[in-house]
Amino acid sequence: MNASPVVTVRRLVQAGSIGPSTVTFYGAQLFSGVTWCSYAVYADSIPILISSGVGNAVSTYCMLTFLSVARVEERSGKRLIATTYAKSVLTAGLFVLLGWAHLAMSILLVLHGRSSVAYYVTGWEASVASVVMLSAPMAMFPHIIRNKDASSLAPLTILFGLGNTVGWTIAGIMKFDIFILMTNLLCALACAAQMALYLRYGTKQKAEPEVVHEAIADVPFD
């Protein structure tokens, strides 16, 4: 699931447009990866640590690629459907700052002998970040229903997300871990809702996309 967003952002690059999507999913994925890495250290869970580490790398790439596509699209004179380039940069920056703030807070709590507090705070942060990440595409629901076109959803991410969250829900029950259980249960419901909408509306056959004759920039902040 953590690697599947790469397929989505490559599709955005090919289309030269971000459509009705926003950077929230990728930013939340980054923050979620940071918090779950911390949680994995506290819980001594190697699988969570590896999975979240991969998610961090993927989300960083996807977020920068998304911003590059958004900048090129906006500079070509097009109006972005659900956001602006400046707003996307601010949103991405906010998630990065949240990640650094979480790490700083965790280190301070551990240094002051409050490891148990750091554990529970990290669990809540990771839970909220995961729910925000997998429910972020639901912001496109009004656009999808209005246009009867679910092509803006990422079926691969939804499918893997549903399987992943169901699996982790079962793991949460077996480990009696309330953070893993409740987080993944809510995320599974969000993925199921997105899958239902995708199956209901599917994708429309579109005309050939207009090619923007400008390269995708390596650094999307100037």
N, C-alpha and C. Protein backbone atom coordinates (compact mmCIF):
# COMPACT_ATOMS: atom_id res chain seq x y z
N MET A 1 0.82 -1.21 0.00
CA MET A 1 0.00 0.00 0.00
C MET A 1 0.85 1.26 0.00
N ASN A 2 1.93 1.25 0.77
CA ASN A 2 2.78 2.44 0.88
C ASN A 2 3.39 2.85 -0.44
N ALA A 3 3.65 1.87 -1.33
CA ALA A 3 4.29 2.18 -2.61
C ALA A 3 3.30 2.50 -3.72
N SER A 4 2.03 2.14 -3.54
CA SER A 4 1.05 2.30 -4.61
C SER A 4 0.80 3.75 -5.04
N PRO A 5 0.95 4.77 -4.16
CA PRO A 5 0.75 6.15 -4.63
C PRO A 5 1.70 6.57 -5.74
N VAL A 6 2.83 5.86 -5.90
CA VAL A 6 3.75 6.18 -6.99
C VAL A 6 3.04 6.05 -8.33
N VAL A 7 2.20 5.02 -8.47
CA VAL A 7 1.44 4.83 -9.71
C VAL A 7 0.54 6.03 -9.97
N THR A 8 -0.08 6.53 -8.92
CA THR A 8 -0.99 7.67 -9.06
C THR A 8 -0.26 8.94 -9.49
N VAL A 9 0.87 9.25 -8.87
CA VAL A 9 1.57 10.48 -9.23
C VAL A 9 2.19 10.38 -10.62
N ARG A 10 2.60 9.18 -11.04
CA ARG A 10 3.11 9.03 -12.40
C ARG A 10 1.99 9.28 -13.41
N ARG A 11 0.78 8.91 -13.03
CA ARG A 11 -0.37 9.19 -13.89
C ARG A 11 -0.63 10.69 -13.98
N LEU A 12 -0.44 11.40 -12.87
CA LEU A 12 -0.58 12.86 -12.89
C LEU A 12 0.46 13.50 -13.79
N VAL A 13 1.68 12.98 -13.74
CA VAL A 13 2.76 13.51 -14.59
C VAL A 13 2.41 13.31 -16.06
N GLN A 14 1.92 12.13 -16.41
CA GLN A 14 1.57 11.84 -17.80
C GLN A 14 0.43 12.72 -18.29
N ALA A 15 -0.54 12.99 -17.40
CA ALA A 15 -1.68 13.83 -17.77
C ALA A 15 -1.33 15.31 -17.75
N GLY A 16 -0.27 15.68 -17.04
CA GLY A 16 0.08 17.09 -16.91
C GLY A 16 -0.91 17.87 -16.08
N SER A 17 -1.65 17.16 -15.21
CA SER A 17 -2.68 17.81 -14.41
C SER A 17 -2.89 17.03 -13.12
N ILE A 18 -3.18 17.76 -12.03
CA ILE A 18 -3.48 17.10 -10.76
C ILE A 18 -4.97 16.84 -10.60
N GLY A 19 -5.79 17.33 -11.55
CA GLY A 19 -7.23 17.11 -11.47
C GLY A 19 -7.82 17.71 -10.21
N PRO A 20 -8.80 17.02 -9.61
CA PRO A 20 -9.43 17.54 -8.38
C PRO A 20 -8.70 17.11 -7.10
N SER A 21 -7.54 16.49 -7.22
CA SER A 21 -6.83 15.99 -6.04
C SER A 21 -6.05 17.10 -5.35
N THR A 22 -5.66 16.84 -4.11
CA THR A 22 -4.86 17.79 -3.34
C THR A 22 -3.65 17.06 -2.77
N VAL A 23 -2.76 17.82 -2.15
CA VAL A 23 -1.53 17.25 -1.61
C VAL A 23 -1.74 16.64 -0.22
N THR A 24 -2.96 16.75 0.31
CA THR A 24 -3.22 16.31 1.68
C THR A 24 -2.86 14.84 1.91
N PHE A 25 -3.23 13.98 0.96
CA PHE A 25 -2.95 12.55 1.13
C PHE A 25 -1.47 12.29 1.33
N TYR A 26 -0.63 12.90 0.47
CA TYR A 26 0.80 12.64 0.52
C TYR A 26 1.44 13.26 1.77
N GLY A 27 0.96 14.44 2.17
CA GLY A 27 1.46 15.06 3.39
C GLY A 27 1.09 14.24 4.62
N ALA A 28 -0.16 13.78 4.65
CA ALA A 28 -0.59 12.95 5.78
C ALA A 28 0.14 11.62 5.79
N GLN A 29 0.46 11.08 4.60
CA GLN A 29 1.23 9.84 4.54
C GLN A 29 2.63 10.04 5.13
N LEU A 30 3.22 11.20 4.83
CA LEU A 30 4.54 11.50 5.38
C LEU A 30 4.49 11.59 6.91
N PHE A 31 3.55 12.36 7.43
CA PHE A 31 3.43 12.51 8.88
C PHE A 31 3.06 11.18 9.54
N SER A 32 2.20 10.42 8.87
CA SER A 32 1.82 9.11 9.39
C SER A 32 3.04 8.19 9.48
N GLY A 33 3.89 8.22 8.44
CA GLY A 33 5.09 7.39 8.46
C GLY A 33 6.03 7.75 9.59
N VAL A 34 6.19 9.06 9.81
CA VAL A 34 7.07 9.53 10.90
C VAL A 34 6.56 9.05 12.26
N THR A 35 5.27 9.24 12.49
CA THR A 35 4.71 8.88 13.80
C THR A 35 4.68 7.36 14.00
N TRP A 36 4.38 6.62 12.95
CA TRP A 36 4.35 5.16 13.10
C TRP A 36 5.75 4.59 13.26
N CYS A 37 6.76 5.24 12.68
CA CYS A 37 8.15 4.82 12.93
C CYS A 37 8.48 4.96 14.42
N SER A 38 8.07 6.09 14.99
CA SER A 38 8.29 6.30 16.43
C SER A 38 7.53 5.27 17.25
N TYR A 39 6.29 5.04 16.86
CA TYR A 39 5.47 4.07 17.59
C TYR A 39 6.09 2.67 17.51
N ALA A 40 6.66 2.34 16.35
CA ALA A 40 7.29 1.03 16.17
C ALA A 40 8.48 0.86 17.11
N VAL A 41 9.22 1.95 17.33
CA VAL A 41 10.36 1.90 18.25
C VAL A 41 9.87 1.64 19.68
N TYR A 42 8.81 2.37 20.08
CA TYR A 42 8.27 2.17 21.43
C TYR A 42 7.68 0.77 21.61
N ALA A 43 7.00 0.29 20.56
CA ALA A 43 6.33 -1.02 20.65
C ALA A 43 7.24 -2.18 20.25
N ASP A 44 8.47 -1.85 19.84
CA ASP A 44 9.43 -2.88 19.43
C ASP A 44 8.87 -3.75 18.31
N SER A 45 8.34 -3.07 17.26
CA SER A 45 7.73 -3.78 16.13
C SER A 45 8.52 -3.51 14.85
N ILE A 46 9.29 -4.49 14.41
CA ILE A 46 10.09 -4.35 13.19
C ILE A 46 9.21 -4.21 11.94
N PRO A 47 8.11 -4.99 11.79
CA PRO A 47 7.27 -4.84 10.59
C PRO A 47 6.72 -3.42 10.42
N ILE A 48 6.25 -2.81 11.51
CA ILE A 48 5.73 -1.44 11.43
C ILE A 48 6.85 -0.47 11.07
N LEU A 49 8.03 -0.68 11.64
CA LEU A 49 9.16 0.20 11.36
C LEU A 49 9.55 0.16 9.89
N ILE A 50 9.65 -1.04 9.32
CA ILE A 50 10.02 -1.19 7.91
C ILE A 50 8.95 -0.59 7.00
N SER A 51 7.69 -0.94 7.28
CA SER A 51 6.58 -0.44 6.46
C SER A 51 6.51 1.08 6.48
N SER A 52 6.66 1.67 7.66
CA SER A 52 6.57 3.12 7.79
C SER A 52 7.77 3.82 7.17
N GLY A 53 8.94 3.19 7.25
CA GLY A 53 10.13 3.76 6.61
C GLY A 53 9.97 3.84 5.10
N VAL A 54 9.44 2.77 4.51
CA VAL A 54 9.16 2.77 3.07
C VAL A 54 8.13 3.85 2.74
N GLY A 55 7.10 3.96 3.59
CA GLY A 55 6.08 4.98 3.38
C GLY A 55 6.64 6.39 3.40
N ASN A 56 7.60 6.65 4.28
CA ASN A 56 8.24 7.97 4.33
C ASN A 56 8.93 8.31 3.02
N ALA A 57 9.69 7.36 2.49
CA ALA A 57 10.42 7.60 1.24
C ALA A 57 9.45 7.83 0.09
N VAL A 58 8.42 7.00 0.01
CA VAL A 58 7.44 7.11 -1.08
C VAL A 58 6.68 8.43 -0.99
N SER A 59 6.23 8.79 0.21
CA SER A 59 5.43 10.01 0.36
C SER A 59 6.24 11.26 0.04
N THR A 60 7.52 11.26 0.37
CA THR A 60 8.38 12.40 0.03
C THR A 60 8.47 12.57 -1.48
N TYR A 61 8.71 11.47 -2.18
CA TYR A 61 8.78 11.52 -3.65
C TYR A 61 7.44 11.97 -4.25
N CYS A 62 6.35 11.38 -3.77
CA CYS A 62 5.03 11.69 -4.32
C CYS A 62 4.64 13.14 -4.06
N MET A 63 4.96 13.64 -2.87
CA MET A 63 4.60 15.01 -2.53
C MET A 63 5.35 16.01 -3.41
N LEU A 64 6.64 15.79 -3.62
CA LEU A 64 7.43 16.69 -4.46
C LEU A 64 6.98 16.62 -5.92
N THR A 65 6.65 15.42 -6.38
CA THR A 65 6.18 15.26 -7.76
C THR A 65 4.83 15.95 -7.94
N PHE A 66 3.94 15.79 -6.97
CA PHE A 66 2.64 16.45 -7.03
C PHE A 66 2.81 17.97 -7.12
N LEU A 67 3.68 18.52 -6.29
CA LEU A 67 3.90 19.97 -6.31
C LEU A 67 4.48 20.42 -7.64
N SER A 68 5.34 19.62 -8.24
CA SER A 68 5.91 19.97 -9.54
C SER A 68 4.84 20.02 -10.61
N VAL A 69 3.96 19.02 -10.62
CA VAL A 69 2.88 18.99 -11.61
C VAL A 69 1.93 20.16 -11.39
N ALA A 70 1.60 20.45 -10.13
CA ALA A 70 0.70 21.56 -9.83
C ALA A 70 1.29 22.89 -10.28
N ARG A 71 2.59 23.08 -10.07
CA ARG A 71 3.22 24.33 -10.46
C ARG A 71 3.20 24.51 -11.97
N VAL A 72 3.56 23.46 -12.70
CA VAL A 72 3.57 23.54 -14.16
C VAL A 72 2.17 23.78 -14.70
N GLU A 73 1.18 23.10 -14.13
CA GLU A 73 -0.19 23.27 -14.59
C GLU A 73 -0.68 24.69 -14.35
N GLU A 74 -0.38 25.24 -13.18
CA GLU A 74 -0.83 26.60 -12.86
C GLU A 74 -0.10 27.63 -13.71
N ARG A 75 1.19 27.41 -13.95
CA ARG A 75 1.95 28.35 -14.78
C ARG A 75 1.52 28.33 -16.24
N SER A 76 0.89 27.23 -16.67
CA SER A 76 0.42 27.15 -18.05
C SER A 76 -0.86 27.95 -18.26
N GLY A 77 -1.38 28.53 -17.19
CA GLY A 77 -2.58 29.35 -17.30
C GLY A 77 -3.85 28.66 -16.87
N LYS A 78 -3.74 27.40 -16.47
CA LYS A 78 -4.92 26.67 -16.04
C LYS A 78 -5.23 26.95 -14.57
N ARG A 79 -6.50 26.87 -14.24
CA ARG A 79 -6.93 27.05 -12.85
C ARG A 79 -7.10 25.67 -12.21
N LEU A 80 -6.39 25.44 -11.12
CA LEU A 80 -6.49 24.15 -10.44
C LEU A 80 -7.89 24.00 -9.85
N ILE A 81 -8.42 22.79 -9.91
CA ILE A 81 -9.82 22.55 -9.54
C ILE A 81 -10.06 22.71 -8.04
N ALA A 82 -9.25 22.07 -7.23
CA ALA A 82 -9.54 21.99 -5.79
C ALA A 82 -8.55 22.73 -4.91
N THR A 83 -7.52 23.33 -5.48
CA THR A 83 -6.50 23.96 -4.65
C THR A 83 -5.73 24.97 -5.49
N THR A 84 -4.67 25.52 -4.95
CA THR A 84 -3.73 26.35 -5.69
C THR A 84 -2.33 25.83 -5.39
N TYR A 85 -1.37 26.24 -6.21
CA TYR A 85 0.00 25.79 -5.97
C TYR A 85 0.51 26.31 -4.63
N ALA A 86 0.24 27.59 -4.34
CA ALA A 86 0.71 28.18 -3.08
C ALA A 86 0.10 27.46 -1.88
N LYS A 87 -1.19 27.16 -1.97
CA LYS A 87 -1.86 26.46 -0.87
C LYS A 87 -1.28 25.05 -0.70
N SER A 88 -0.96 24.41 -1.81
CA SER A 88 -0.38 23.06 -1.75
C SER A 88 0.98 23.07 -1.07
N VAL A 89 1.81 24.08 -1.40
CA VAL A 89 3.12 24.20 -0.77
C VAL A 89 2.98 24.42 0.73
N LEU A 90 2.04 25.29 1.12
CA LEU A 90 1.82 25.56 2.55
C LEU A 90 1.34 24.31 3.28
N THR A 91 0.44 23.56 2.64
CA THR A 91 -0.07 22.33 3.25
C THR A 91 1.05 21.31 3.43
N ALA A 92 1.86 21.14 2.38
CA ALA A 92 2.99 20.20 2.46
C ALA A 92 3.97 20.63 3.55
N GLY A 93 4.26 21.93 3.60
CA GLY A 93 5.17 22.44 4.62
C GLY A 93 4.64 22.23 6.03
N LEU A 94 3.32 22.35 6.19
CA LEU A 94 2.71 22.13 7.51
C LEU A 94 2.93 20.70 7.98
N PHE A 95 2.75 19.74 7.08
CA PHE A 95 2.94 18.34 7.47
C PHE A 95 4.41 18.05 7.81
N VAL A 96 5.33 18.68 7.07
CA VAL A 96 6.75 18.51 7.38
C VAL A 96 7.06 19.08 8.76
N LEU A 97 6.53 20.27 9.05
CA LEU A 97 6.74 20.88 10.37
C LEU A 97 6.14 20.03 11.49
N LEU A 98 4.97 19.45 11.22
CA LEU A 98 4.35 18.58 12.22
C LEU A 98 5.24 17.37 12.51
N GLY A 99 5.86 16.84 11.46
CA GLY A 99 6.76 15.71 11.65
C GLY A 99 7.95 16.06 12.52
N TRP A 100 8.58 17.21 12.25
CA TRP A 100 9.71 17.66 13.06
C TRP A 100 9.28 17.97 14.49
N ALA A 101 8.10 18.57 14.64
CA ALA A 101 7.60 18.88 15.98
C ALA A 101 7.36 17.60 16.78
N HIS A 102 6.83 16.59 16.10
CA HIS A 102 6.60 15.31 16.78
C HIS A 102 7.92 14.70 17.27
N LEU A 103 8.93 14.71 16.39
CA LEU A 103 10.23 14.14 16.77
C LEU A 103 10.84 14.90 17.95
N ALA A 104 10.76 16.24 17.90
CA ALA A 104 11.32 17.05 18.99
C ALA A 104 10.60 16.77 20.30
N MET A 105 9.26 16.69 20.24
CA MET A 105 8.49 16.41 21.45
C MET A 105 8.82 15.03 22.02
N SER A 106 8.93 14.03 21.13
CA SER A 106 9.22 12.67 21.58
C SER A 106 10.58 12.59 22.26
N ILE A 107 11.58 13.25 21.67
CA ILE A 107 12.92 13.24 22.25
C ILE A 107 12.92 13.89 23.63
N LEU A 108 12.23 15.03 23.75
CA LEU A 108 12.17 15.73 25.03
C LEU A 108 11.48 14.88 26.10
N LEU A 109 10.38 14.22 25.73
CA LEU A 109 9.67 13.38 26.69
C LEU A 109 10.53 12.21 27.16
N VAL A 110 11.23 11.59 26.22
CA VAL A 110 12.09 10.45 26.58
C VAL A 110 13.24 10.90 27.47
N LEU A 111 13.84 12.05 27.13
CA LEU A 111 14.96 12.57 27.93
C LEU A 111 14.54 12.90 29.36
N HIS A 112 13.26 13.25 29.52
CA HIS A 112 12.76 13.58 30.86
C HIS A 112 12.09 12.38 31.53
N GLY A 113 12.35 11.19 30.99
CA GLY A 113 11.84 9.98 31.62
C GLY A 113 10.35 9.76 31.47
N ARG A 114 9.75 10.35 30.44
CA ARG A 114 8.31 10.21 30.23
C ARG A 114 8.03 9.35 29.00
N SER A 115 8.69 8.22 28.91
CA SER A 115 8.56 7.34 27.74
C SER A 115 7.13 6.85 27.54
N SER A 116 6.44 6.56 28.64
CA SER A 116 5.06 6.07 28.53
C SER A 116 4.14 7.14 27.95
N VAL A 117 4.37 8.40 28.34
CA VAL A 117 3.59 9.50 27.78
C VAL A 117 3.89 9.65 26.30
N ALA A 118 5.17 9.57 25.94
CA ALA A 118 5.56 9.67 24.53
C ALA A 118 4.91 8.56 23.71
N TYR A 119 4.81 7.37 24.29
CA TYR A 119 4.21 6.22 23.62
C TYR A 119 2.74 6.48 23.30
N TYR A 120 1.98 6.95 24.29
CA TYR A 120 0.55 7.16 24.08
C TYR A 120 0.28 8.37 23.19
N VAL A 121 1.04 9.43 23.34
CA VAL A 121 0.87 10.60 22.47
C VAL A 121 1.17 10.23 21.03
N THR A 122 2.25 9.47 20.84
CA THR A 122 2.61 9.03 19.49
C THR A 122 1.53 8.13 18.90
N GLY A 123 0.95 7.27 19.72
CA GLY A 123 -0.12 6.41 19.24
C GLY A 123 -1.31 7.20 18.74
N TRP A 124 -1.69 8.24 19.48
CA TRP A 124 -2.81 9.08 19.05
C TRP A 124 -2.47 9.86 17.78
N GLU A 125 -1.26 10.39 17.73
CA GLU A 125 -0.83 11.13 16.54
C GLU A 125 -0.83 10.23 15.31
N ALA A 126 -0.28 9.03 15.45
CA ALA A 126 -0.23 8.09 14.34
C ALA A 126 -1.62 7.70 13.89
N SER A 127 -2.52 7.53 14.84
CA SER A 127 -3.89 7.16 14.51
C SER A 127 -4.59 8.25 13.71
N VAL A 128 -4.49 9.48 14.19
CA VAL A 128 -5.13 10.60 13.49
C VAL A 128 -4.53 10.78 12.10
N ALA A 129 -3.20 10.70 11.99
CA ALA A 129 -2.53 10.88 10.70
C ALA A 129 -2.97 9.83 9.70
N SER A 130 -3.11 8.58 10.13
CA SER A 130 -3.52 7.51 9.23
C SER A 130 -4.94 7.71 8.74
N VAL A 131 -5.83 8.11 9.65
CA VAL A 131 -7.22 8.33 9.27
C VAL A 131 -7.32 9.50 8.29
N VAL A 132 -6.59 10.58 8.56
CA VAL A 132 -6.58 11.73 7.64
C VAL A 132 -6.05 11.31 6.27
N MET A 133 -4.99 10.50 6.26
CA MET A 133 -4.38 10.07 5.01
C MET A 133 -5.37 9.30 4.14
N LEU A 134 -5.96 8.25 4.70
CA LEU A 134 -6.80 7.37 3.89
C LEU A 134 -8.21 7.91 3.67
N SER A 135 -8.60 8.93 4.43
CA SER A 135 -9.90 9.56 4.19
C SER A 135 -9.78 10.82 3.34
N ALA A 136 -8.55 11.28 3.06
CA ALA A 136 -8.35 12.50 2.28
C ALA A 136 -9.04 12.46 0.92
N PRO A 137 -8.99 11.33 0.18
CA PRO A 137 -9.68 11.31 -1.12
C PRO A 137 -11.18 11.52 -1.03
N MET A 138 -11.76 11.36 0.16
CA MET A 138 -13.20 11.56 0.30
C MET A 138 -13.59 13.02 0.09
N ALA A 139 -12.62 13.93 0.15
CA ALA A 139 -12.90 15.34 -0.14
C ALA A 139 -13.30 15.53 -1.60
N MET A 140 -12.95 14.57 -2.46
CA MET A 140 -13.30 14.65 -3.87
C MET A 140 -14.68 14.07 -4.17
N PHE A 141 -15.35 13.53 -3.16
CA PHE A 141 -16.65 12.89 -3.39
C PHE A 141 -17.67 13.80 -4.07
N PRO A 142 -17.83 15.07 -3.61
CA PRO A 142 -18.80 15.94 -4.30
C PRO A 142 -18.49 16.11 -5.78
N HIS A 143 -17.21 16.28 -6.12
CA HIS A 143 -16.80 16.41 -7.52
C HIS A 143 -17.11 15.13 -8.29
N ILE A 144 -16.84 13.99 -7.68
CA ILE A 144 -17.08 12.70 -8.34
C ILE A 144 -18.56 12.48 -8.58
N ILE A 145 -19.38 12.73 -7.58
CA ILE A 145 -20.83 12.53 -7.70
C ILE A 145 -21.43 13.51 -8.70
N ARG A 146 -20.96 14.75 -8.67
CA ARG A 146 -21.49 15.77 -9.58
C ARG A 146 -21.18 15.43 -11.04
N ASN A 147 -19.98 14.94 -11.29
CA ASN A 147 -19.56 14.63 -12.66
C ASN A 147 -19.75 13.16 -13.03
N LYS A 148 -20.20 12.35 -12.06
CA LYS A 148 -20.39 10.92 -12.29
C LYS A 148 -19.14 10.29 -12.91
N ASP A 149 -18.01 10.64 -12.33
CA ASP A 149 -16.71 10.17 -12.84
C ASP A 149 -15.75 10.01 -11.67
N ALA A 150 -15.32 8.77 -11.42
CA ALA A 150 -14.44 8.48 -10.29
C ALA A 150 -13.00 8.28 -10.73
N SER A 151 -12.64 8.81 -11.89
CA SER A 151 -11.27 8.61 -12.40
C SER A 151 -10.22 9.30 -11.53
N SER A 152 -10.65 10.26 -10.70
CA SER A 152 -9.69 10.96 -9.84
C SER A 152 -9.26 10.10 -8.65
N LEU A 153 -10.00 9.03 -8.37
CA LEU A 153 -9.61 8.12 -7.30
C LEU A 153 -8.50 7.19 -7.78
N ALA A 154 -7.75 6.65 -6.84
CA ALA A 154 -6.63 5.75 -7.17
C ALA A 154 -7.01 4.33 -6.76
N PRO A 155 -7.55 3.53 -7.69
CA PRO A 155 -8.05 2.20 -7.33
C PRO A 155 -6.99 1.28 -6.74
N LEU A 156 -5.76 1.39 -7.23
CA LEU A 156 -4.69 0.53 -6.70
C LEU A 156 -4.41 0.85 -5.24
N THR A 157 -4.33 2.15 -4.93
CA THR A 157 -4.10 2.55 -3.54
C THR A 157 -5.27 2.15 -2.65
N ILE A 158 -6.49 2.32 -3.16
CA ILE A 158 -7.68 1.95 -2.39
C ILE A 158 -7.70 0.45 -2.12
N LEU A 159 -7.41 -0.34 -3.16
CA LEU A 159 -7.45 -1.80 -3.02
C LEU A 159 -6.41 -2.29 -2.01
N PHE A 160 -5.17 -1.81 -2.18
CA PHE A 160 -4.12 -2.21 -1.24
C PHE A 160 -4.40 -1.65 0.16
N GLY A 161 -4.94 -0.42 0.19
CA GLY A 161 -5.26 0.18 1.48
C GLY A 161 -6.31 -0.62 2.23
N LEU A 162 -7.32 -1.09 1.50
CA LEU A 162 -8.37 -1.89 2.13
C LEU A 162 -7.81 -3.20 2.67
N GLY A 163 -7.02 -3.89 1.84
CA GLY A 163 -6.42 -5.14 2.30
C GLY A 163 -5.47 -4.93 3.46
N ASN A 164 -4.67 -3.86 3.38
CA ASN A 164 -3.71 -3.55 4.44
C ASN A 164 -4.40 -3.25 5.77
N THR A 165 -5.44 -2.41 5.71
CA THR A 165 -6.11 -2.01 6.95
C THR A 165 -6.92 -3.15 7.57
N VAL A 166 -7.50 -4.00 6.73
CA VAL A 166 -8.20 -5.17 7.27
C VAL A 166 -7.20 -6.10 7.98
N GLY A 167 -6.04 -6.30 7.34
CA GLY A 167 -5.01 -7.14 7.95
C GLY A 167 -4.52 -6.58 9.27
N TRP A 168 -4.28 -5.25 9.31
CA TRP A 168 -3.80 -4.64 10.55
C TRP A 168 -4.90 -4.57 11.61
N THR A 169 -6.16 -4.51 11.18
CA THR A 169 -7.26 -4.57 12.15
C THR A 169 -7.25 -5.91 12.87
N ILE A 170 -7.06 -6.97 12.11
CA ILE A 170 -6.96 -8.31 12.70
C ILE A 170 -5.75 -8.40 13.64
N ALA A 171 -4.62 -7.81 13.18
CA ALA A 171 -3.41 -7.81 14.02
C ALA A 171 -3.65 -7.04 15.31
N GLY A 172 -4.38 -5.92 15.21
CA GLY A 172 -4.68 -5.13 16.41
C GLY A 172 -5.51 -5.91 17.41
N ILE A 173 -6.46 -6.72 16.88
CA ILE A 173 -7.28 -7.55 17.77
C ILE A 173 -6.41 -8.60 18.46
N MET A 174 -5.52 -9.23 17.67
CA MET A 174 -4.67 -10.29 18.22
C MET A 174 -3.68 -9.76 19.25
N LYS A 175 -3.19 -8.51 19.03
CA LYS A 175 -2.21 -7.93 19.94
C LYS A 175 -2.86 -7.11 21.06
N PHE A 176 -4.20 -6.98 21.00
CA PHE A 176 -4.92 -6.16 21.98
C PHE A 176 -4.36 -4.74 22.01
N ASP A 177 -4.06 -4.20 20.80
CA ASP A 177 -3.50 -2.85 20.67
C ASP A 177 -4.60 -1.92 20.16
N ILE A 178 -5.11 -1.07 21.03
CA ILE A 178 -6.25 -0.21 20.69
C ILE A 178 -5.91 0.77 19.58
N PHE A 179 -4.66 1.27 19.55
CA PHE A 179 -4.28 2.22 18.52
C PHE A 179 -4.31 1.57 17.14
N ILE A 180 -3.70 0.40 17.01
CA ILE A 180 -3.69 -0.30 15.73
C ILE A 180 -5.10 -0.71 15.33
N LEU A 181 -5.88 -1.20 16.28
CA LEU A 181 -7.23 -1.68 15.99
C LEU A 181 -8.15 -0.56 15.50
N MET A 182 -8.30 0.50 16.29
CA MET A 182 -9.26 1.55 15.95
C MET A 182 -8.83 2.33 14.71
N THR A 183 -7.53 2.59 14.60
CA THR A 183 -7.03 3.33 13.44
C THR A 183 -7.34 2.59 12.15
N ASN A 184 -7.00 1.33 12.11
CA ASN A 184 -7.17 0.56 10.87
C ASN A 184 -8.62 0.22 10.60
N LEU A 185 -9.43 0.12 11.63
CA LEU A 185 -10.86 -0.10 11.43
C LEU A 185 -11.48 1.11 10.73
N LEU A 186 -11.16 2.31 11.22
CA LEU A 186 -11.68 3.53 10.59
C LEU A 186 -11.15 3.69 9.17
N CYS A 187 -9.88 3.38 8.97
CA CYS A 187 -9.28 3.50 7.64
C CYS A 187 -9.89 2.49 6.67
N ALA A 188 -10.20 1.29 7.17
CA ALA A 188 -10.84 0.28 6.32
C ALA A 188 -12.21 0.76 5.86
N LEU A 189 -12.96 1.41 6.74
CA LEU A 189 -14.27 1.95 6.37
C LEU A 189 -14.13 3.04 5.32
N ALA A 190 -13.10 3.91 5.47
CA ALA A 190 -12.86 4.97 4.48
C ALA A 190 -12.51 4.38 3.12
N CYS A 191 -11.66 3.36 3.11
CA CYS A 191 -11.28 2.71 1.85
C CYS A 191 -12.48 2.01 1.21
N ALA A 192 -13.32 1.38 2.03
CA ALA A 192 -14.50 0.70 1.51
C ALA A 192 -15.46 1.70 0.85
N ALA A 193 -15.62 2.87 1.47
CA ALA A 193 -16.49 3.91 0.89
C ALA A 193 -15.95 4.38 -0.45
N GLN A 194 -14.63 4.56 -0.55
CA GLN A 194 -14.02 4.98 -1.81
C GLN A 194 -14.15 3.91 -2.88
N MET A 195 -13.97 2.66 -2.50
CA MET A 195 -14.11 1.56 -3.46
C MET A 195 -15.54 1.48 -3.97
N ALA A 196 -16.51 1.67 -3.08
CA ALA A 196 -17.91 1.63 -3.48
C ALA A 196 -18.21 2.73 -4.49
N LEU A 197 -17.67 3.93 -4.26
CA LEU A 197 -17.90 5.04 -5.18
C LEU A 197 -17.21 4.79 -6.51
N TYR A 198 -16.02 4.20 -6.47
CA TYR A 198 -15.30 3.90 -7.72
C TYR A 198 -16.06 2.86 -8.54
N LEU A 199 -16.59 1.84 -7.88
CA LEU A 199 -17.36 0.82 -8.59
C LEU A 199 -18.68 1.39 -9.09
N ARG A 200 -19.23 2.36 -8.38
CA ARG A 200 -20.51 2.96 -8.78
C ARG A 200 -20.37 3.81 -10.03
N TYR A 201 -19.33 4.65 -10.09
CA TYR A 201 -19.22 5.60 -11.20
C TYR A 201 -18.15 5.24 -12.22
N GLY A 202 -17.12 4.50 -11.81
CA GLY A 202 -16.07 4.12 -12.75
C GLY A 202 -15.37 5.33 -13.33
N THR A 203 -14.85 5.19 -14.53
CA THR A 203 -14.13 6.27 -15.19
C THR A 203 -14.76 6.56 -16.54
N LYS A 204 -14.76 7.82 -16.92
CA LYS A 204 -15.25 8.22 -18.22
C LYS A 204 -14.12 8.17 -19.24
N GLN A 205 -14.48 7.87 -20.47
CA GLN A 205 -13.50 7.91 -21.54
C GLN A 205 -13.23 9.37 -21.87
N LYS A 206 -12.00 9.80 -21.74
CA LYS A 206 -11.66 11.20 -21.95
C LYS A 206 -10.92 11.38 -23.25
N ALA A 207 -10.98 12.60 -23.74
CA ALA A 207 -10.21 12.94 -24.93
C ALA A 207 -8.74 12.99 -24.57
N GLU A 208 -7.89 12.99 -25.61
CA GLU A 208 -6.45 13.07 -25.37
C GLU A 208 -6.13 14.31 -24.55
N PRO A 209 -5.36 14.18 -23.49
CA PRO A 209 -5.04 15.35 -22.66
C PRO A 209 -4.20 16.36 -23.41
N GLU A 210 -4.41 17.62 -23.07
CA GLU A 210 -3.61 18.68 -23.68
C GLU A 210 -2.20 18.61 -23.11
N VAL A 211 -1.23 18.61 -23.99
CA VAL A 211 0.16 18.49 -23.57
C VAL A 211 0.69 19.86 -23.18
N VAL A 212 1.25 19.94 -21.99
CA VAL A 212 1.88 21.18 -21.54
C VAL A 212 3.35 21.10 -21.89
N HIS A 213 3.81 21.97 -22.76
CA HIS A 213 5.18 21.91 -23.24
C HIS A 213 6.14 22.60 -22.28
N GLU A 214 6.24 22.03 -21.11
CA GLU A 214 7.18 22.52 -20.11
C GLU A 214 7.57 21.34 -19.24
N ALA A 215 8.84 21.20 -18.97
CA ALA A 215 9.31 20.05 -18.22
C ALA A 215 8.87 20.14 -16.77
N ILE A 216 8.68 18.99 -16.16
CA ILE A 216 8.40 18.95 -14.73
C ILE A 216 9.68 19.30 -13.98
N ALA A 217 9.62 20.33 -13.19
CA ALA A 217 10.82 20.82 -12.51
C ALA A 217 11.25 19.87 -11.41
N ASP A 218 12.56 19.83 -11.17
CA ASP A 218 13.09 18.97 -10.12
C ASP A 218 12.76 19.52 -8.73
N VAL A 219 12.85 20.84 -8.57
CA VAL A 219 12.60 21.46 -7.27
C VAL A 219 11.40 22.39 -7.41
N PRO A 220 10.24 22.05 -6.82
CA PRO A 220 9.00 22.77 -7.10
C PRO A 220 8.72 23.95 -6.20
N PHE A 221 9.73 24.68 -5.74
CA PHE A 221 9.47 25.72 -4.76
C PHE A 221 9.83 27.13 -5.22
N ASP A 222 10.36 27.30 -6.44
CA ASP A 222 10.72 28.66 -6.82
C ASP A 222 9.55 29.40 -7.45
